[in-house]
Amino acid sequence: MGLELFSPDDDSSAVVTAARAPDGIDSGELVLLLRDRHGVTLAPGQGELKGKIFRIGHIGYYDVFDITTALAAVELALIELGADVERGVAVTRALEAFEHTPV
């Protein structure tokens, strides 16, 4: 999808992934569209990051289908908001990562 992670790899979290919204996209608007139109709940940025980042939680039970659903919804919502993202990339990359992750 071409999104920039908010936190570098060496400072990542096991419970949440934060990404910067593309230029011209308000992350709060993205989060509302995801919830209201697509039934997917993500968290917006807070404080000085309000409107700039969004957060995908992955604590507790989740599986590859939860992750791919969230990523597909983010991709679709970004396209609906006018972002220039390549379709289908996020889900493909998530499935590739899952295939190479030991159980």
N, C-alpha and C. Protein backbone atom coordinates (compact mmCIF):
# COMPACT_ATOMS: atom_id res chain seq x y z
N MET A 1 0.82 -1.19 0.00
CA MET A 1 0.00 0.00 0.00
C MET A 1 0.86 1.25 0.00
N GLY A 2 2.10 1.11 0.43
CA GLY A 2 2.99 2.26 0.44
C GLY A 2 2.87 3.15 1.66
N LEU A 3 2.25 2.66 2.72
CA LEU A 3 2.13 3.47 3.93
C LEU A 3 3.41 3.41 4.74
N GLU A 4 3.71 4.50 5.41
CA GLU A 4 4.89 4.56 6.27
C GLU A 4 4.50 4.18 7.69
N LEU A 5 5.20 3.21 8.27
CA LEU A 5 4.95 2.86 9.66
C LEU A 5 5.39 4.02 10.54
N PHE A 6 4.64 4.26 11.59
CA PHE A 6 4.96 5.36 12.49
C PHE A 6 6.19 5.07 13.33
N SER A 7 6.34 3.82 13.72
CA SER A 7 7.45 3.42 14.58
C SER A 7 8.44 2.58 13.77
N PRO A 8 9.74 2.83 13.94
CA PRO A 8 10.72 2.00 13.22
C PRO A 8 10.66 0.55 13.68
N ASP A 9 11.15 -0.36 12.84
CA ASP A 9 11.10 -1.80 13.13
C ASP A 9 11.71 -2.16 14.48
N ASP A 10 12.79 -1.50 14.86
CA ASP A 10 13.45 -1.85 16.12
C ASP A 10 12.71 -1.32 17.34
N ASP A 11 11.63 -0.60 17.14
CA ASP A 11 10.83 -0.06 18.24
C ASP A 11 9.36 -0.42 18.03
N SER A 12 9.10 -1.56 17.42
CA SER A 12 7.73 -1.94 17.10
C SER A 12 7.02 -2.52 18.32
N SER A 13 5.71 -2.64 18.19
CA SER A 13 4.87 -3.13 19.29
C SER A 13 4.20 -4.44 18.88
N ALA A 14 4.02 -5.32 19.85
CA ALA A 14 3.33 -6.58 19.58
C ALA A 14 1.82 -6.43 19.66
N VAL A 15 1.32 -5.28 20.11
CA VAL A 15 -0.12 -5.13 20.33
C VAL A 15 -0.79 -4.13 19.40
N VAL A 16 -0.02 -3.27 18.74
CA VAL A 16 -0.61 -2.27 17.86
C VAL A 16 0.41 -1.88 16.79
N THR A 17 -0.11 -1.61 15.60
CA THR A 17 0.72 -1.08 14.52
C THR A 17 0.15 0.27 14.13
N ALA A 18 1.00 1.29 14.13
CA ALA A 18 0.58 2.63 13.75
C ALA A 18 1.19 2.98 12.40
N ALA A 19 0.38 3.59 11.54
CA ALA A 19 0.86 4.00 10.21
C ALA A 19 0.47 5.45 9.98
N ARG A 20 1.31 6.15 9.24
CA ARG A 20 1.00 7.53 8.86
C ARG A 20 -0.01 7.50 7.71
N ALA A 21 -0.99 8.38 7.79
CA ALA A 21 -1.94 8.52 6.69
C ALA A 21 -1.22 9.15 5.51
N PRO A 22 -1.60 8.80 4.29
CA PRO A 22 -0.98 9.42 3.11
C PRO A 22 -1.23 10.93 3.10
N ASP A 23 -0.37 11.66 2.42
CA ASP A 23 -0.54 13.10 2.29
C ASP A 23 -1.94 13.42 1.78
N GLY A 24 -2.58 14.40 2.40
CA GLY A 24 -3.91 14.83 1.98
C GLY A 24 -5.04 14.02 2.57
N ILE A 25 -4.74 13.00 3.36
CA ILE A 25 -5.77 12.16 3.98
C ILE A 25 -5.75 12.40 5.48
N ASP A 26 -6.90 12.73 6.04
CA ASP A 26 -7.04 12.90 7.48
C ASP A 26 -7.33 11.53 8.09
N SER A 27 -6.48 11.08 9.00
CA SER A 27 -6.65 9.74 9.56
C SER A 27 -7.94 9.61 10.36
N GLY A 28 -8.41 10.70 10.95
CA GLY A 28 -9.68 10.65 11.67
C GLY A 28 -10.84 10.37 10.73
N GLU A 29 -10.81 11.00 9.56
CA GLU A 29 -11.83 10.76 8.55
C GLU A 29 -11.75 9.31 8.04
N LEU A 30 -10.54 8.81 7.89
CA LEU A 30 -10.33 7.42 7.47
C LEU A 30 -10.94 6.46 8.48
N VAL A 31 -10.65 6.68 9.76
CA VAL A 31 -11.15 5.80 10.82
C VAL A 31 -12.68 5.81 10.85
N LEU A 32 -13.30 6.98 10.69
CA LEU A 32 -14.77 7.07 10.68
C LEU A 32 -15.36 6.34 9.47
N LEU A 33 -14.76 6.50 8.31
CA LEU A 33 -15.23 5.81 7.11
C LEU A 33 -15.13 4.29 7.28
N LEU A 34 -14.02 3.85 7.83
CA LEU A 34 -13.84 2.41 8.07
C LEU A 34 -14.93 1.88 8.99
N ARG A 35 -15.22 2.60 10.06
CA ARG A 35 -16.23 2.14 11.02
C ARG A 35 -17.63 2.20 10.42
N ASP A 36 -18.00 3.35 9.84
CA ASP A 36 -19.37 3.57 9.41
C ASP A 36 -19.75 2.84 8.12
N ARG A 37 -18.82 2.73 7.21
CA ARG A 37 -19.15 2.13 5.92
C ARG A 37 -18.71 0.67 5.80
N HIS A 38 -17.61 0.33 6.47
CA HIS A 38 -17.04 -1.00 6.28
C HIS A 38 -17.07 -1.88 7.53
N GLY A 39 -17.51 -1.34 8.66
CA GLY A 39 -17.63 -2.14 9.88
C GLY A 39 -16.31 -2.57 10.48
N VAL A 40 -15.25 -1.82 10.20
CA VAL A 40 -13.91 -2.13 10.73
C VAL A 40 -13.51 -1.01 11.68
N THR A 41 -13.12 -1.39 12.89
CA THR A 41 -12.77 -0.40 13.91
C THR A 41 -11.26 -0.32 14.09
N LEU A 42 -10.71 0.85 13.81
CA LEU A 42 -9.32 1.17 14.07
C LEU A 42 -9.29 2.38 14.99
N ALA A 43 -8.12 2.75 15.45
CA ALA A 43 -7.99 3.90 16.35
C ALA A 43 -7.28 5.04 15.63
N PRO A 44 -7.75 6.26 15.87
CA PRO A 44 -7.09 7.42 15.26
C PRO A 44 -5.87 7.84 16.08
N GLY A 45 -5.13 8.80 15.56
CA GLY A 45 -4.05 9.40 16.33
C GLY A 45 -4.61 10.29 17.41
N GLN A 46 -3.82 10.56 18.42
CA GLN A 46 -4.24 11.42 19.53
C GLN A 46 -3.26 12.58 19.68
N GLY A 47 -3.71 13.65 20.32
CA GLY A 47 -2.83 14.79 20.58
C GLY A 47 -2.24 15.35 19.29
N GLU A 48 -0.93 15.52 19.27
CA GLU A 48 -0.26 16.10 18.10
C GLU A 48 -0.30 15.18 16.88
N LEU A 49 -0.69 13.93 17.08
CA LEU A 49 -0.78 12.98 15.96
C LEU A 49 -2.20 12.84 15.41
N LYS A 50 -3.14 13.60 15.99
CA LYS A 50 -4.52 13.57 15.53
C LYS A 50 -4.58 13.97 14.05
N GLY A 51 -5.22 13.14 13.25
CA GLY A 51 -5.34 13.40 11.82
C GLY A 51 -4.16 12.92 11.00
N LYS A 52 -3.10 12.46 11.69
CA LYS A 52 -1.87 12.09 10.98
C LYS A 52 -1.61 10.59 10.93
N ILE A 53 -2.01 9.86 11.98
CA ILE A 53 -1.76 8.42 12.01
C ILE A 53 -3.05 7.68 12.33
N PHE A 54 -3.04 6.39 12.05
CA PHE A 54 -4.11 5.50 12.52
C PHE A 54 -3.44 4.25 13.06
N ARG A 55 -4.17 3.56 13.96
CA ARG A 55 -3.59 2.42 14.66
C ARG A 55 -4.46 1.18 14.47
N ILE A 56 -3.80 0.07 14.16
CA ILE A 56 -4.47 -1.22 14.03
C ILE A 56 -4.07 -2.06 15.23
N GLY A 57 -5.04 -2.41 16.06
CA GLY A 57 -4.77 -3.22 17.24
C GLY A 57 -4.72 -4.70 16.88
N HIS A 58 -3.79 -5.41 17.51
CA HIS A 58 -3.70 -6.85 17.30
C HIS A 58 -3.27 -7.54 18.59
N ILE A 59 -4.03 -7.24 19.64
CA ILE A 59 -3.82 -7.90 20.92
C ILE A 59 -4.98 -8.87 21.13
N GLY A 60 -4.72 -9.97 21.77
CA GLY A 60 -5.76 -10.96 21.98
C GLY A 60 -5.84 -11.90 20.80
N TYR A 61 -6.99 -12.55 20.63
CA TYR A 61 -7.13 -13.53 19.56
C TYR A 61 -7.44 -12.83 18.24
N TYR A 62 -6.66 -13.11 17.25
CA TYR A 62 -6.90 -12.67 15.88
C TYR A 62 -6.21 -13.68 14.97
N ASP A 63 -6.66 -13.74 13.74
CA ASP A 63 -6.02 -14.66 12.80
C ASP A 63 -5.75 -13.93 11.49
N VAL A 64 -5.25 -14.67 10.53
CA VAL A 64 -4.86 -14.07 9.25
C VAL A 64 -6.05 -13.41 8.57
N PHE A 65 -7.25 -13.92 8.78
CA PHE A 65 -8.41 -13.34 8.13
C PHE A 65 -8.82 -12.02 8.76
N ASP A 66 -8.62 -11.87 10.06
CA ASP A 66 -8.86 -10.58 10.71
C ASP A 66 -7.91 -9.52 10.16
N ILE A 67 -6.65 -9.89 10.02
CA ILE A 67 -5.64 -8.96 9.52
C ILE A 67 -5.90 -8.60 8.06
N THR A 68 -6.16 -9.60 7.22
CA THR A 68 -6.38 -9.30 5.81
C THR A 68 -7.67 -8.50 5.59
N THR A 69 -8.69 -8.75 6.40
CA THR A 69 -9.92 -7.96 6.30
C THR A 69 -9.65 -6.51 6.64
N ALA A 70 -8.92 -6.27 7.73
CA ALA A 70 -8.60 -4.90 8.13
C ALA A 70 -7.77 -4.20 7.05
N LEU A 71 -6.78 -4.89 6.51
CA LEU A 71 -5.93 -4.28 5.49
C LEU A 71 -6.70 -3.99 4.21
N ALA A 72 -7.56 -4.91 3.80
CA ALA A 72 -8.38 -4.69 2.60
C ALA A 72 -9.30 -3.49 2.80
N ALA A 73 -9.89 -3.37 3.99
CA ALA A 73 -10.77 -2.25 4.27
C ALA A 73 -10.01 -0.93 4.27
N VAL A 74 -8.81 -0.91 4.86
CA VAL A 74 -7.99 0.31 4.86
C VAL A 74 -7.67 0.70 3.42
N GLU A 75 -7.27 -0.26 2.63
CA GLU A 75 -6.95 0.01 1.23
C GLU A 75 -8.15 0.60 0.49
N LEU A 76 -9.30 -0.03 0.64
CA LEU A 76 -10.51 0.44 -0.04
C LEU A 76 -10.90 1.83 0.44
N ALA A 77 -10.86 2.06 1.74
CA ALA A 77 -11.24 3.37 2.28
C ALA A 77 -10.27 4.46 1.81
N LEU A 78 -8.99 4.15 1.77
CA LEU A 78 -8.02 5.14 1.27
C LEU A 78 -8.31 5.51 -0.18
N ILE A 79 -8.65 4.52 -0.99
CA ILE A 79 -9.01 4.78 -2.39
C ILE A 79 -10.25 5.65 -2.44
N GLU A 80 -11.25 5.34 -1.60
CA GLU A 80 -12.49 6.13 -1.57
C GLU A 80 -12.21 7.58 -1.16
N LEU A 81 -11.18 7.79 -0.35
CA LEU A 81 -10.83 9.15 0.09
C LEU A 81 -9.88 9.85 -0.89
N GLY A 82 -9.53 9.17 -1.96
CA GLY A 82 -8.72 9.80 -3.00
C GLY A 82 -7.23 9.55 -2.93
N ALA A 83 -6.80 8.66 -2.05
CA ALA A 83 -5.37 8.35 -1.95
C ALA A 83 -4.94 7.51 -3.15
N ASP A 84 -3.70 7.69 -3.53
CA ASP A 84 -3.13 6.93 -4.64
C ASP A 84 -2.44 5.69 -4.09
N VAL A 85 -3.19 4.59 -3.96
CA VAL A 85 -2.63 3.34 -3.46
C VAL A 85 -2.86 2.24 -4.49
N GLU A 86 -1.93 1.32 -4.55
CA GLU A 86 -2.06 0.20 -5.48
C GLU A 86 -3.00 -0.84 -4.89
N ARG A 87 -3.98 -1.23 -5.65
CA ARG A 87 -5.00 -2.18 -5.17
C ARG A 87 -4.43 -3.58 -5.00
N GLY A 88 -4.83 -4.24 -3.90
CA GLY A 88 -4.50 -5.64 -3.69
C GLY A 88 -3.16 -5.93 -3.06
N VAL A 89 -2.33 -4.94 -2.90
CA VAL A 89 -0.97 -5.16 -2.41
C VAL A 89 -0.95 -5.57 -0.93
N ALA A 90 -1.71 -4.90 -0.10
CA ALA A 90 -1.66 -5.14 1.35
C ALA A 90 -2.06 -6.57 1.70
N VAL A 91 -3.14 -7.04 1.13
CA VAL A 91 -3.60 -8.40 1.44
C VAL A 91 -2.59 -9.43 0.92
N THR A 92 -2.07 -9.21 -0.27
CA THR A 92 -1.07 -10.13 -0.83
C THR A 92 0.14 -10.22 0.08
N ARG A 93 0.66 -9.08 0.54
CA ARG A 93 1.84 -9.08 1.41
C ARG A 93 1.54 -9.74 2.76
N ALA A 94 0.36 -9.52 3.29
CA ALA A 94 -0.01 -10.15 4.57
C ALA A 94 -0.07 -11.67 4.42
N LEU A 95 -0.64 -12.14 3.33
CA LEU A 95 -0.71 -13.59 3.10
C LEU A 95 0.68 -14.18 2.90
N GLU A 96 1.55 -13.47 2.20
CA GLU A 96 2.92 -13.95 2.02
C GLU A 96 3.64 -14.04 3.36
N ALA A 97 3.46 -13.04 4.22
CA ALA A 97 4.09 -13.07 5.54
C ALA A 97 3.55 -14.24 6.36
N PHE A 98 2.24 -14.47 6.29
CA PHE A 98 1.63 -15.56 7.03
C PHE A 98 2.18 -16.91 6.57
N GLU A 99 2.36 -17.06 5.27
CA GLU A 99 2.88 -18.32 4.71
C GLU A 99 4.27 -18.65 5.23
N HIS A 100 5.04 -17.63 5.58
CA HIS A 100 6.43 -17.83 6.00
C HIS A 100 6.62 -17.69 7.51
N THR A 101 5.53 -17.69 8.25
CA THR A 101 5.61 -17.57 9.70
C THR A 101 5.40 -18.94 10.33
N PRO A 102 6.36 -19.40 11.14
CA PRO A 102 6.19 -20.71 11.79
C PRO A 102 5.02 -20.68 12.77
N VAL A 103 4.34 -21.79 12.88
CA VAL A 103 3.19 -21.89 13.78
C VAL A 103 3.64 -22.29 15.16
